[in-house]
């Protein structure tokens, strides 16, 4: 089974006065290795069309149910109905760990991720990115899905 997807992902992370901008950029790169990153004095902004590295981290950490819930909850956080948004803890991201931020933002600010899905539907893409599980294992065979990612 193979699914082709087309997404636009924008990642934003604030750079606080006590932080080194390059380290904030490395935090973004750790979870989104194919992202094109622009480092500014107050914010790191990155874009990508590939979430395979992030998806692999979700599978490795076995947090698919948590991720799917965050993605579906984040549908209300974007103006475009064809997408979703979520926040990640910046310090965890620096270590290559996915840790969703809930509630108020961390003192250093969170990594904000906004995903616009062009193909397939948002629900189908979320099911690919973070499929439903039984006892932590994906219910459906998802091997080979997304091999043709753009």
Protein backbone atom coordinates (compact mmCIF):
# COMPACT_ATOMS: atom_id res chain seq x y z
CA UNK A 1 0.00 0.00 0.00
CA UNK A 2 1.42 3.38 -0.93
CA UNK A 3 0.00 6.82 -0.26
CA UNK A 4 1.28 9.96 -1.91
CA UNK A 5 0.87 13.02 0.23
CA UNK A 6 1.31 16.71 -0.38
CA UNK A 7 1.69 18.97 2.65
CA UNK A 8 3.09 22.36 3.50
CA UNK A 9 4.58 22.58 6.97
CA UNK A 10 5.61 25.79 8.72
CA UNK A 11 7.56 25.55 11.95
CA UNK A 12 8.16 28.55 14.21
CA UNK A 13 10.17 28.74 17.41
CA UNK A 14 10.88 31.89 19.38
CA UNK A 15 14.46 32.75 20.30
CA UNK A 16 14.58 34.23 23.80
CA UNK A 17 17.37 36.63 24.85
CA UNK A 18 18.98 33.83 26.92
CA UNK A 19 19.10 31.43 23.95
CA UNK A 20 21.53 30.93 21.11
CA UNK A 21 19.62 31.06 17.79
CA UNK A 22 21.67 28.19 16.30
CA UNK A 23 20.65 25.90 19.17
CA UNK A 24 16.98 26.70 18.59
CA UNK A 25 17.50 25.90 14.90
CA UNK A 26 19.09 22.56 15.86
CA UNK A 27 16.03 21.75 17.98
CA UNK A 28 13.82 22.24 14.92
CA UNK A 29 16.20 20.29 12.70
CA UNK A 30 16.31 17.37 15.16
CA UNK A 31 12.61 16.62 14.57
CA UNK A 32 12.28 18.00 11.03
CA UNK A 33 15.58 17.07 9.36
CA UNK A 34 14.52 18.07 5.83
CA UNK A 35 13.24 21.52 6.82
CA UNK A 36 14.69 24.65 5.26
CA UNK A 37 15.55 26.81 8.25
CA UNK A 38 15.87 30.58 8.50
CA UNK A 39 17.45 31.89 11.67
CA UNK A 40 16.40 35.33 12.84
CA UNK A 41 17.36 37.18 16.00
CA UNK A 42 13.94 36.62 17.62
CA UNK A 43 12.56 33.57 15.83
CA UNK A 44 13.53 30.49 13.86
CA UNK A 45 11.20 29.78 10.93
CA UNK A 46 11.37 26.58 8.92
CA UNK A 47 9.39 25.01 6.11
CA UNK A 48 9.19 21.50 4.77
CA UNK A 49 6.99 19.22 2.70
CA UNK A 50 8.25 16.02 4.30
CA UNK A 51 7.27 14.70 7.71
CA UNK A 52 8.92 11.28 7.45
CA UNK A 53 11.59 12.00 10.07
CA UNK A 54 8.95 13.31 12.46
CA UNK A 55 6.73 10.30 11.75
CA UNK A 56 9.61 7.93 12.48
CA UNK A 57 10.12 9.63 15.85
CA UNK A 58 6.44 9.10 16.70
CA UNK A 59 6.74 5.39 15.90
CA UNK A 60 10.04 4.98 17.76
CA UNK A 61 8.67 6.70 20.86
CA UNK A 62 5.41 4.72 20.58
CA UNK A 63 3.28 7.84 21.06
CA UNK A 64 0.98 7.43 18.07
CA UNK A 65 -2.26 7.74 20.08
CA UNK A 66 -1.05 10.90 21.81
CA UNK A 67 0.10 12.36 18.51
CA UNK A 68 -3.15 11.56 16.71
CA UNK A 69 -5.11 13.20 19.51
CA UNK A 70 -2.91 16.33 19.33
CA UNK A 71 -3.30 16.50 15.55
CA UNK A 72 -7.09 16.11 15.63
CA UNK A 73 -7.39 18.63 18.48
CA UNK A 74 -5.23 21.01 16.45
CA UNK A 75 -7.68 21.15 13.56
CA UNK A 76 -9.40 24.02 15.38
CA UNK A 77 -6.12 25.94 15.65
CA UNK A 78 -5.71 26.75 11.96
CA UNK A 79 -7.67 29.14 9.80
CA UNK A 80 -7.50 26.73 6.88
CA UNK A 81 -9.86 23.79 7.38
CA UNK A 82 -7.40 21.61 5.47
CA UNK A 83 -4.80 21.34 8.18
CA UNK A 84 -3.88 21.17 11.82
CA UNK A 85 -1.44 22.73 14.27
CA UNK A 86 0.37 21.59 17.38
CA UNK A 87 3.07 22.74 19.77
CA UNK A 88 6.16 20.87 20.90
CA UNK A 89 8.47 21.43 23.86
CA UNK A 90 11.62 23.10 22.59
CA UNK A 91 14.03 21.48 25.07
CA UNK A 92 12.78 17.97 24.25
CA UNK A 93 13.01 18.75 20.53
CA UNK A 94 16.68 19.69 20.95
CA UNK A 95 17.25 16.11 22.14
CA UNK A 96 15.27 14.72 19.19
CA UNK A 97 12.33 13.81 21.42
CA UNK A 98 8.72 14.58 20.54
CA UNK A 99 6.95 16.06 23.56
CA UNK A 100 3.64 17.76 22.85
CA UNK A 101 2.99 20.97 24.71
CA UNK A 102 -0.40 21.31 26.34
CA UNK A 103 -1.69 24.21 28.38
CA UNK A 104 0.45 27.31 28.74
CA UNK A 105 3.66 27.67 26.74
CA UNK A 106 6.99 26.81 28.30
CA UNK A 107 9.11 29.67 29.63
CA UNK A 108 11.40 29.53 26.59
CA UNK A 109 8.44 29.17 24.24
CA UNK A 110 7.28 26.19 22.27
CA UNK A 111 7.94 25.01 18.74
CA UNK A 112 4.73 25.77 16.83
CA UNK A 113 3.99 23.53 13.85
CA UNK A 114 1.26 24.23 11.30
CA UNK A 115 0.47 21.62 8.66
CA UNK A 116 -1.60 22.37 5.55
CA UNK A 117 -2.70 19.19 3.82
CA UNK A 118 -3.36 19.33 0.08
CA UNK A 119 -3.51 15.59 -0.58
CA UNK A 120 -5.02 13.28 0.69
CA UNK A 121 -7.66 14.52 3.16
CA UNK A 122 -6.60 15.76 6.59
CA UNK A 123 -8.11 12.67 8.25
CA UNK A 124 -6.27 10.32 5.89
CA UNK A 125 -2.99 12.13 6.44
CA UNK A 126 -3.40 12.07 10.23
CA UNK A 127 -4.17 8.32 9.99
CA UNK A 128 -0.92 7.89 8.06
CA UNK A 129 1.18 10.08 10.32
CA UNK A 130 -0.18 8.58 13.54
CA UNK A 131 -2.33 5.50 12.89
CA UNK A 132 -4.66 4.03 15.47
CA UNK A 133 -3.05 1.44 17.69
CA UNK A 134 -3.88 -1.60 19.77
CA UNK A 135 -1.53 -2.01 22.73
CA UNK A 136 0.85 0.49 21.14
CA UNK A 137 1.09 -1.23 17.74
CA UNK A 138 -0.57 0.18 14.59
CA UNK A 139 -3.83 -1.65 13.81
CA UNK A 140 -3.36 -1.47 10.04
CA UNK A 141 -0.25 -2.31 8.08
CA UNK A 142 1.36 1.04 7.33
CA UNK A 143 4.65 -0.19 5.87
CA UNK A 144 5.46 1.46 2.57
CA UNK A 145 2.90 4.22 3.03
CA UNK A 146 4.24 7.61 2.06
CA UNK A 147 7.22 6.28 0.13
CA UNK A 148 6.42 8.78 -2.60
CA UNK A 149 6.19 11.80 -0.26
CA UNK A 150 6.63 15.28 -1.68
